Amino acid sequence: MDRIFSVLGALSLAQFPQFIQQYLQRLAGHADEAMRIVERYKLAADRAGMEFSVYIQRFNDDSNAVVAEHGSIMTEAVERADFLTNAVESLQNSNMLTRPFVFLNNLDTDIAWQALLIFQPGVPTTVEGIMYALVGIMLGLLVYNGLKWPFYKMSDKKKTTHN
Protein backbone atom coordinates (compact mmCIF):
# COMPACT_ATOMS: atom_id res chain seq x y z
CA MET A 1 0.00 0.00 0.00
CA ASP A 2 2.82 2.41 0.83
CA ARG A 3 4.24 1.97 -2.67
CA ILE A 4 0.86 2.76 -4.24
CA PHE A 5 0.63 5.98 -2.23
CA SER A 6 4.23 6.82 -3.13
CA VAL A 7 3.60 6.33 -6.84
CA LEU A 8 0.33 8.28 -6.72
CA GLY A 9 2.06 11.11 -4.86
CA ALA A 10 4.95 11.15 -7.31
CA LEU A 11 2.70 11.12 -10.38
CA SER A 12 0.41 13.78 -8.95
CA LEU A 13 3.05 16.25 -7.85
CA ALA A 14 5.18 15.68 -10.94
CA GLN A 15 2.30 17.14 -12.96
CA PHE A 16 2.74 20.56 -11.35
CA PRO A 17 5.53 21.71 -13.72
CA GLN A 18 3.48 20.35 -16.64
CA PHE A 19 0.43 22.33 -15.52
CA ILE A 20 2.50 25.48 -14.97
CA GLN A 21 3.88 25.16 -18.50
CA GLN A 22 0.41 24.80 -20.00
CA TYR A 23 -0.89 27.65 -17.83
CA LEU A 24 2.06 29.80 -18.89
CA GLN A 25 1.28 29.17 -22.57
CA ARG A 26 -2.30 30.37 -22.07
CA LEU A 27 -1.18 33.28 -19.89
CA ALA A 28 1.34 34.43 -22.50
CA GLY A 29 -1.34 34.24 -25.19
CA HIS A 30 -3.65 36.42 -23.12
CA ALA A 31 -0.78 38.85 -22.45
CA ASP A 32 0.06 39.07 -26.16
CA GLU A 33 -3.56 39.77 -27.06
CA ALA A 34 -3.93 42.35 -24.30
CA MET A 35 -0.77 44.13 -25.47
CA ARG A 36 -2.07 44.07 -29.05
CA ILE A 37 -5.21 45.89 -27.91
CA VAL A 38 -3.21 48.45 -25.92
CA GLU A 39 -0.93 49.04 -28.92
CA ARG A 40 -4.00 49.81 -31.04
CA TYR A 41 -5.12 52.38 -28.46
CA LYS A 42 -1.61 53.88 -28.43
CA LEU A 43 -1.69 54.13 -32.21
CA ALA A 44 -5.03 55.95 -32.00
CA ALA A 45 -3.52 58.37 -29.47
CA ASP A 46 -0.57 58.96 -31.82
CA ARG A 47 -2.90 59.68 -34.72
CA ALA A 48 -4.75 62.17 -32.53
CA GLY A 49 -1.40 63.81 -31.67
CA MET A 50 -1.75 63.05 -27.97
CA GLU A 51 0.26 61.25 -25.30
CA PHE A 52 -1.38 57.96 -24.45
CA SER A 53 -2.13 58.83 -20.81
CA VAL A 54 -3.68 62.16 -21.87
CA TYR A 55 -5.72 60.37 -24.54
CA ILE A 56 -7.20 57.95 -22.01
CA GLN A 57 -7.80 60.72 -19.47
CA ARG A 58 -9.71 62.72 -22.06
CA PHE A 59 -12.09 59.80 -22.52
CA ASN A 60 -12.37 59.24 -18.75
CA ASP A 61 -13.20 62.93 -18.11
CA ASP A 62 -15.80 63.24 -20.87
CA SER A 63 -19.31 64.18 -19.73
CA ASN A 64 -20.83 61.74 -22.20
CA ALA A 65 -21.32 58.46 -20.32
CA VAL A 66 -20.66 56.36 -23.45
CA VAL A 67 -17.33 58.07 -24.10
CA ALA A 68 -16.34 57.91 -20.41
CA GLU A 69 -17.13 54.18 -20.37
CA HIS A 70 -14.76 53.73 -23.30
CA GLY A 71 -12.07 55.49 -21.24
CA SER A 72 -12.75 53.07 -18.40
CA ILE A 73 -12.41 50.13 -20.77
CA MET A 74 -9.08 51.46 -22.06
CA THR A 75 -7.81 51.94 -18.49
CA GLU A 76 -8.79 48.36 -17.61
CA ALA A 77 -7.13 47.07 -20.79
CA VAL A 78 -3.84 48.78 -19.88
CA GLU A 79 -3.99 47.44 -16.31
CA ARG A 80 -4.81 43.94 -17.55
CA ALA A 81 -1.98 43.98 -20.10
CA ASP A 82 0.46 45.11 -17.39
CA PHE A 83 -0.71 42.41 -14.96
CA LEU A 84 -0.52 39.63 -17.54
CA THR A 85 2.86 40.71 -18.89
CA ASN A 86 4.30 40.91 -15.37
CA ALA A 87 2.82 37.52 -14.48
CA VAL A 88 4.40 35.92 -17.57
CA GLU A 89 7.80 37.50 -16.88
CA SER A 90 7.67 36.53 -13.20
CA LEU A 91 6.90 32.89 -14.00
CA GLN A 92 9.53 32.74 -16.72
CA ASN A 93 12.17 34.20 -14.40
CA SER A 94 11.31 32.00 -11.41
CA ASN A 95 13.20 28.86 -10.49
CA MET A 96 11.84 25.52 -9.33
CA LEU A 97 11.93 26.57 -5.68
CA THR A 98 10.16 29.91 -6.13
CA ARG A 99 7.81 28.92 -8.97
CA PRO A 100 4.92 27.67 -6.78
CA PHE A 101 4.93 30.94 -4.82
CA VAL A 102 5.28 33.09 -7.94
CA PHE A 103 2.46 31.10 -9.55
CA LEU A 104 0.13 31.64 -6.59
CA ASN A 105 1.12 35.29 -6.22
CA ASN A 106 0.33 36.05 -9.89
CA LEU A 107 -2.51 33.60 -10.38
CA ASP A 108 -5.28 34.47 -12.79
CA THR A 109 -8.00 32.04 -11.73
CA ASP A 110 -9.93 32.27 -15.00
CA ILE A 111 -6.89 31.39 -17.07
CA ALA A 112 -5.86 28.67 -14.61
CA TRP A 113 -9.34 27.14 -14.76
CA GLN A 114 -9.29 27.14 -18.56
CA ALA A 115 -5.83 25.53 -18.50
CA LEU A 116 -7.10 22.91 -16.07
CA LEU A 117 -10.08 22.07 -18.29
CA ILE A 118 -7.79 21.07 -21.15
CA PHE A 119 -4.80 19.94 -19.06
CA GLN A 120 -2.80 17.11 -20.61
CA PRO A 121 -0.71 15.16 -18.08
CA GLY A 122 2.85 14.45 -19.06
CA VAL A 123 5.82 12.40 -18.00
CA PRO A 124 8.31 14.61 -16.17
CA THR A 125 11.65 14.59 -17.92
CA THR A 126 13.09 17.75 -16.39
CA VAL A 127 15.02 18.10 -13.16
CA GLU A 128 12.10 20.14 -11.84
CA GLY A 129 9.61 17.38 -12.67
CA ILE A 130 11.80 14.79 -11.00
CA MET A 131 12.18 16.96 -7.89
CA TYR A 132 8.42 17.36 -7.64
CA ALA A 133 8.03 13.61 -8.10
CA LEU A 134 10.42 12.99 -5.19
CA VAL A 135 8.48 15.41 -3.00
CA GLY A 136 5.31 13.63 -4.15
CA ILE A 137 6.73 10.31 -2.98
CA MET A 138 7.38 11.77 0.45
CA LEU A 139 3.92 13.33 0.61
CA GLY A 140 2.35 10.07 -0.54
CA LEU A 141 4.11 8.21 2.24
CA LEU A 142 3.04 10.86 4.76
CA VAL A 143 -0.58 10.55 3.66
CA TYR A 144 -0.42 6.77 3.79
CA ASN A 145 1.12 6.77 7.26
CA GLY A 146 -1.35 9.42 8.40
CA LEU A 147 -4.27 7.28 7.24
CA LYS A 148 -2.73 4.12 8.67
CA TRP A 149 -1.91 5.56 12.09
CA PRO A 150 -5.46 5.53 13.64
CA PHE A 151 -5.91 1.88 12.63
CA TYR A 152 -2.51 1.01 14.03
CA LYS A 153 -3.42 2.67 17.34
CA MET A 154 -6.75 0.80 17.48
CA SER A 155 -5.02 -2.53 16.95
CA ASP A 156 -2.53 -1.66 19.72
CA LYS A 157 -5.41 -0.97 22.13
CA LYS A 158 -7.04 -4.29 21.24
CA LYS A 159 -3.76 -6.12 21.89
CA THR A 160 -3.29 -4.49 25.32
CA THR A 161 -6.91 -5.14 26.44
CA HIS A 162 -6.67 -8.83 25.46
CA ASN A 163 -3.43 -9.35 27.42
C-alpha atoms as a PDB file:
ATOM      1  CA  MET A   1       0.000   0.000   0.000  1.00  0.00           C
ATOM      2  CA  ASP A   2       2.822   2.409   0.829  1.00  0.00           C
ATOM      3  CA  ARG A   3       4.238   1.966  -2.671  1.00  0.00           C
ATOM      4  CA  ILE A   4       0.859   2.762  -4.240  1.00  0.00           C
ATOM      5  CA  PHE A   5       0.627   5.983  -2.226  1.00  0.00           C
ATOM      6  CA  SER A   6       4.233   6.816  -3.131  1.00  0.00           C
ATOM      7  CA  VAL A   7       3.602   6.330  -6.837  1.00  0.00           C
ATOM      8  CA  LEU A   8       0.326   8.277  -6.722  1.00  0.00           C
ATOM      9  CA  GLY A   9       2.061  11.105  -4.858  1.00  0.00           C
ATOM     10  CA  ALA A  10       4.947  11.146  -7.313  1.00  0.00           C
ATOM     11  CA  LEU A  11       2.695  11.116 -10.382  1.00  0.00           C
ATOM     12  CA  SER A  12       0.407  13.782  -8.951  1.00  0.00           C
ATOM     13  CA  LEU A  13       3.050  16.253  -7.852  1.00  0.00           C
ATOM     14  CA  ALA A  14       5.175  15.675 -10.942  1.00  0.00           C
ATOM     15  CA  GLN A  15       2.295  17.142 -12.962  1.00  0.00           C
ATOM     16  CA  PHE A  16       2.737  20.562 -11.348  1.00  0.00           C
ATOM     17  CA  PRO A  17       5.525  21.709 -13.717  1.00  0.00           C
ATOM     18  CA  GLN A  18       3.480  20.351 -16.644  1.00  0.00           C
ATOM     19  CA  PHE A  19       0.425  22.330 -15.520  1.00  0.00           C
ATOM     20  CA  ILE A  20       2.502  25.481 -14.973  1.00  0.00           C
ATOM     21  CA  GLN A  21       3.883  25.163 -18.502  1.00  0.00           C
ATOM     22  CA  GLN A  22       0.414  24.795 -20.004  1.00  0.00           C
ATOM     23  CA  TYR A  23      -0.891  27.652 -17.832  1.00  0.00           C
ATOM     24  CA  LEU A  24       2.055  29.805 -18.894  1.00  0.00           C
ATOM     25  CA  GLN A  25       1.276  29.171 -22.566  1.00  0.00           C
ATOM     26  CA  ARG A  26      -2.299  30.371 -22.068  1.00  0.00           C
ATOM     27  CA  LEU A  27      -1.181  33.284 -19.889  1.00  0.00           C
ATOM     28  CA  ALA A  28       1.343  34.435 -22.503  1.00  0.00           C
ATOM     29  CA  GLY A  29      -1.336  34.238 -25.194  1.00  0.00           C
ATOM     30  CA  HIS A  30      -3.646  36.416 -23.116  1.00  0.00           C
ATOM     31  CA  ALA A  31      -0.784  38.848 -22.447  1.00  0.00           C
ATOM     32  CA  ASP A  32       0.060  39.074 -26.156  1.00  0.00           C
ATOM     33  CA  GLU A  33      -3.555  39.775 -27.064  1.00  0.00           C
ATOM     34  CA  ALA A  34      -3.932  42.353 -24.296  1.00  0.00           C
ATOM     35  CA  MET A  35      -0.765  44.128 -25.472  1.00  0.00           C
ATOM     36  CA  ARG A  36      -2.073  44.066 -29.045  1.00  0.00           C
ATOM     37  CA  ILE A  37      -5.214  45.889 -27.908  1.00  0.00           C
ATOM     38  CA  VAL A  38      -3.215  48.447 -25.919  1.00  0.00           C
ATOM     39  CA  GLU A  39      -0.932  49.036 -28.918  1.00  0.00           C
ATOM     40  CA  ARG A  40      -4.003  49.814 -31.041  1.00  0.00           C
ATOM     41  CA  TYR A  41      -5.123  52.381 -28.462  1.00  0.00           C
ATOM     42  CA  LYS A  42      -1.612  53.876 -28.431  1.00  0.00           C
ATOM     43  CA  LEU A  43      -1.692  54.129 -32.210  1.00  0.00           C
ATOM     44  CA  ALA A  44      -5.026  55.951 -32.005  1.00  0.00           C
ATOM     45  CA  ALA A  45      -3.523  58.374 -29.467  1.00  0.00           C
ATOM     46  CA  ASP A  46      -0.566  58.961 -31.818  1.00  0.00           C
ATOM     47  CA  ARG A  47      -2.898  59.683 -34.721  1.00  0.00           C
ATOM     48  CA  ALA A  48      -4.748  62.168 -32.531  1.00  0.00           C
ATOM     49  CA  GLY A  49      -1.405  63.807 -31.673  1.00  0.00           C
ATOM     50  CA  MET A  50      -1.749  63.049 -27.966  1.00  0.00           C
ATOM     51  CA  GLU A  51       0.256  61.246 -25.303  1.00  0.00           C
ATOM     52  CA  PHE A  52      -1.383  57.956 -24.453  1.00  0.00           C
ATOM     53  CA  SER A  53      -2.128  58.829 -20.808  1.00  0.00           C
ATOM     54  CA  VAL A  54      -3.683  62.164 -21.870  1.00  0.00           C
ATOM     55  CA  TYR A  55      -5.720  60.366 -24.544  1.00  0.00           C
ATOM     56  CA  ILE A  56      -7.197  57.945 -22.011  1.00  0.00           C
ATOM     57  CA  GLN A  57      -7.803  60.716 -19.470  1.00  0.00           C
ATOM     58  CA  ARG A  58      -9.708  62.719 -22.064  1.00  0.00           C
ATOM     59  CA  PHE A  59     -12.090  59.797 -22.521  1.00  0.00           C
ATOM     60  CA  ASN A  60     -12.375  59.244 -18.752  1.00  0.00           C
ATOM     61  CA  ASP A  61     -13.204  62.928 -18.112  1.00  0.00           C
ATOM     62  CA  ASP A  62     -15.798  63.237 -20.874  1.00  0.00           C
ATOM     63  CA  SER A  63     -19.309  64.180 -19.729  1.00  0.00           C
ATOM     64  CA  ASN A  64     -20.833  61.737 -22.203  1.00  0.00           C
ATOM     65  CA  ALA A  65     -21.322  58.458 -20.324  1.00  0.00           C
ATOM     66  CA  VAL A  66     -20.661  56.363 -23.449  1.00  0.00           C
ATOM     67  CA  VAL A  67     -17.329  58.071 -24.105  1.00  0.00           C
ATOM     68  CA  ALA A  68     -16.342  57.910 -20.411  1.00  0.00           C
ATOM     69  CA  GLU A  69     -17.132  54.178 -20.369  1.00  0.00           C
ATOM     70  CA  HIS A  70     -14.761  53.726 -23.295  1.00  0.00           C
ATOM     71  CA  GLY A  71     -12.070  55.485 -21.241  1.00  0.00           C
ATOM     72  CA  SER A  72     -12.748  53.073 -18.397  1.00  0.00           C
ATOM     73  CA  ILE A  73     -12.406  50.127 -20.766  1.00  0.00           C
ATOM     74  CA  MET A  74      -9.077  51.463 -22.056  1.00  0.00           C
ATOM     75  CA  THR A  75      -7.809  51.940 -18.490  1.00  0.00           C
ATOM     76  CA  GLU A  76      -8.789  48.363 -17.606  1.00  0.00           C
ATOM     77  CA  ALA A  77      -7.131  47.074 -20.789  1.00  0.00           C
ATOM     78  CA  VAL A  78      -3.844  48.775 -19.879  1.00  0.00           C
ATOM     79  CA  GLU A  79      -3.985  47.439 -16.310  1.00  0.00           C
ATOM     80  CA  ARG A  80      -4.807  43.938 -17.546  1.00  0.00           C
ATOM     81  CA  ALA A  81      -1.985  43.978 -20.096  1.00  0.00           C
ATOM     82  CA  ASP A  82       0.464  45.108 -17.395  1.00  0.00           C
ATOM     83  CA  PHE A  83      -0.714  42.414 -14.959  1.00  0.00           C
ATOM     84  CA  LEU A  84      -0.524  39.631 -17.541  1.00  0.00           C
ATOM     85  CA  THR A  85       2.861  40.714 -18.886  1.00  0.00           C
ATOM     86  CA  ASN A  86       4.299  40.915 -15.365  1.00  0.00           C
ATOM     87  CA  ALA A  87       2.822  37.517 -14.484  1.00  0.00           C
ATOM     88  CA  VAL A  88       4.405  35.925 -17.570  1.00  0.00           C
ATOM     89  CA  GLU A  89       7.800  37.495 -16.879  1.00  0.00           C
ATOM     90  CA  SER A  90       7.667  36.530 -13.196  1.00  0.00           C
ATOM     91  CA  LEU A  91       6.904  32.894 -13.998  1.00  0.00           C
ATOM     92  CA  GLN A  92       9.532  32.741 -16.725  1.00  0.00           C
ATOM     93  CA  ASN A  93      12.172  34.202 -14.397  1.00  0.00           C
ATOM     94  CA  SER A  94      11.311  32.003 -11.414  1.00  0.00           C
ATOM     95  CA  ASN A  95      13.197  28.857 -10.490  1.00  0.00           C
ATOM     96  CA  MET A  96      11.839  25.519  -9.329  1.00  0.00           C
ATOM     97  CA  LEU A  97      11.925  26.571  -5.677  1.00  0.00           C
ATOM     98  CA  THR A  98      10.162  29.909  -6.128  1.00  0.00           C
ATOM     99  CA  ARG A  99       7.806  28.922  -8.972  1.00  0.00           C
ATOM    100  CA  PRO A 100       4.915  27.667  -6.780  1.00  0.00           C
ATOM    101  CA  PHE A 101       4.929  30.936  -4.821  1.00  0.00           C
ATOM    102  CA  VAL A 102       5.277  33.091  -7.942  1.00  0.00           C
ATOM    103  CA  PHE A 103       2.456  31.098  -9.546  1.00  0.00           C
ATOM    104  CA  LEU A 104       0.130  31.637  -6.586  1.00  0.00           C
ATOM    105  CA  ASN A 105       1.116  35.289  -6.223  1.00  0.00           C
ATOM    106  CA  ASN A 106       0.335  36.055  -9.886  1.00  0.00           C
ATOM    107  CA  LEU A 107      -2.508  33.598 -10.380  1.00  0.00           C
ATOM    108  CA  ASP A 108      -5.279  34.469 -12.794  1.00  0.00           C
ATOM    109  CA  THR A 109      -8.001  32.043 -11.729  1.00  0.00           C
ATOM    110  CA  ASP A 110      -9.934  32.267 -14.998  1.00  0.00           C
ATOM    111  CA  ILE A 111      -6.888  31.393 -17.073  1.00  0.00           C
ATOM    112  CA  ALA A 112      -5.857  28.666 -14.608  1.00  0.00           C
ATOM    113  CA  TRP A 113      -9.342  27.140 -14.764  1.00  0.00           C
ATOM    114  CA  GLN A 114      -9.287  27.137 -18.565  1.00  0.00           C
ATOM    115  CA  ALA A 115      -5.831  25.531 -18.505  1.00  0.00           C
ATOM    116  CA  LEU A 116      -7.103  22.909 -16.073  1.00  0.00           C
ATOM    117  CA  LEU A 117     -10.082  22.071 -18.287  1.00  0.00           C
ATOM    118  CA  ILE A 118      -7.789  21.071 -21.153  1.00  0.00           C
ATOM    119  CA  PHE A 119      -4.803  19.942 -19.064  1.00  0.00           C
ATOM    120  CA  GLN A 120      -2.805  17.112 -20.606  1.00  0.00           C
ATOM    121  CA  PRO A 121      -0.707  15.165 -18.082  1.00  0.00           C
ATOM    122  CA  GLY A 122       2.847  14.445 -19.064  1.00  0.00           C
ATOM    123  CA  VAL A 123       5.821  12.398 -18.005  1.00  0.00           C
ATOM    124  CA  PRO A 124       8.309  14.610 -16.171  1.00  0.00           C
ATOM    125  CA  THR A 125      11.653  14.595 -17.921  1.00  0.00           C
ATOM    126  CA  THR A 126      13.092  17.750 -16.392  1.00  0.00           C
ATOM    127  CA  VAL A 127      15.017  18.105 -13.157  1.00  0.00           C
ATOM    128  CA  GLU A 128      12.100  20.142 -11.839  1.00  0.00           C
ATOM    129  CA  GLY A 129       9.611  17.379 -12.666  1.00  0.00           C
ATOM    130  CA  ILE A 130      11.805  14.790 -11.004  1.00  0.00           C
ATOM    131  CA  MET A 131      12.184  16.957  -7.892  1.00  0.00           C
ATOM    132  CA  TYR A 132       8.417  17.361  -7.643  1.00  0.00           C
ATOM    133  CA  ALA A 133       8.035  13.606  -8.101  1.00  0.00           C
ATOM    134  CA  LEU A 134      10.416  12.991  -5.188  1.00  0.00           C
ATOM    135  CA  VAL A 135       8.479  15.410  -2.998  1.00  0.00           C
ATOM    136  CA  GLY A 136       5.306  13.630  -4.150  1.00  0.00           C
ATOM    137  CA  ILE A 137       6.734  10.305  -2.985  1.00  0.00           C
ATOM    138  CA  MET A 138       7.382  11.767   0.449  1.00  0.00           C
ATOM    139  CA  LEU A 139       3.917  13.327   0.613  1.00  0.00           C
ATOM    140  CA  GLY A 140       2.346  10.067  -0.544  1.00  0.00           C
ATOM    141  CA  LEU A 141       4.109   8.211   2.243  1.00  0.00           C
ATOM    142  CA  LEU A 142       3.038  10.861   4.764  1.00  0.00           C
ATOM    143  CA  VAL A 143      -0.585  10.555   3.658  1.00  0.00           C
ATOM    144  CA  TYR A 144      -0.422   6.775   3.788  1.00  0.00           C
ATOM    145  CA  ASN A 145       1.118   6.770   7.259  1.00  0.00           C
ATOM    146  CA  GLY A 146      -1.348   9.418   8.401  1.00  0.00           C
ATOM    147  CA  LEU A 147      -4.271   7.283   7.237  1.00  0.00           C
ATOM    148  CA  LYS A 148      -2.731   4.117   8.675  1.00  0.00           C
ATOM    149  CA  TRP A 149      -1.907   5.563  12.088  1.00  0.00           C
ATOM    150  CA  PRO A 150      -5.456   5.534  13.641  1.00  0.00           C
ATOM    151  CA  PHE A 151      -5.913   1.883  12.628  1.00  0.00           C
ATOM    152  CA  TYR A 152      -2.513   1.010  14.029  1.00  0.00           C
ATOM    153  CA  LYS A 153      -3.423   2.672  17.336  1.00  0.00           C
ATOM    154  CA  MET A 154      -6.755   0.804  17.478  1.00  0.00           C
ATOM    155  CA  SER A 155      -5.017  -2.525  16.946  1.00  0.00           C
ATOM    156  CA  ASP A 156      -2.527  -1.658  19.722  1.00  0.00           C
ATOM    157  CA  LYS A 157      -5.414  -0.973  22.128  1.00  0.00           C
ATOM    158  CA  LYS A 158      -7.044  -4.292  21.240  1.00  0.00           C
ATOM    159  CA  LYS A 159      -3.760  -6.120  21.895  1.00  0.00           C
ATOM    160  CA  THR A 160      -3.295  -4.493  25.324  1.00  0.00           C
ATOM    161  CA  THR A 161      -6.911  -5.144  26.435  1.00  0.00           C
ATOM    162  CA  HIS A 162      -6.672  -8.833  25.464  1.00  0.00           C
ATOM    163  CA  ASN A 163      -3.431  -9.348  27.419  1.00  0.00           C
END
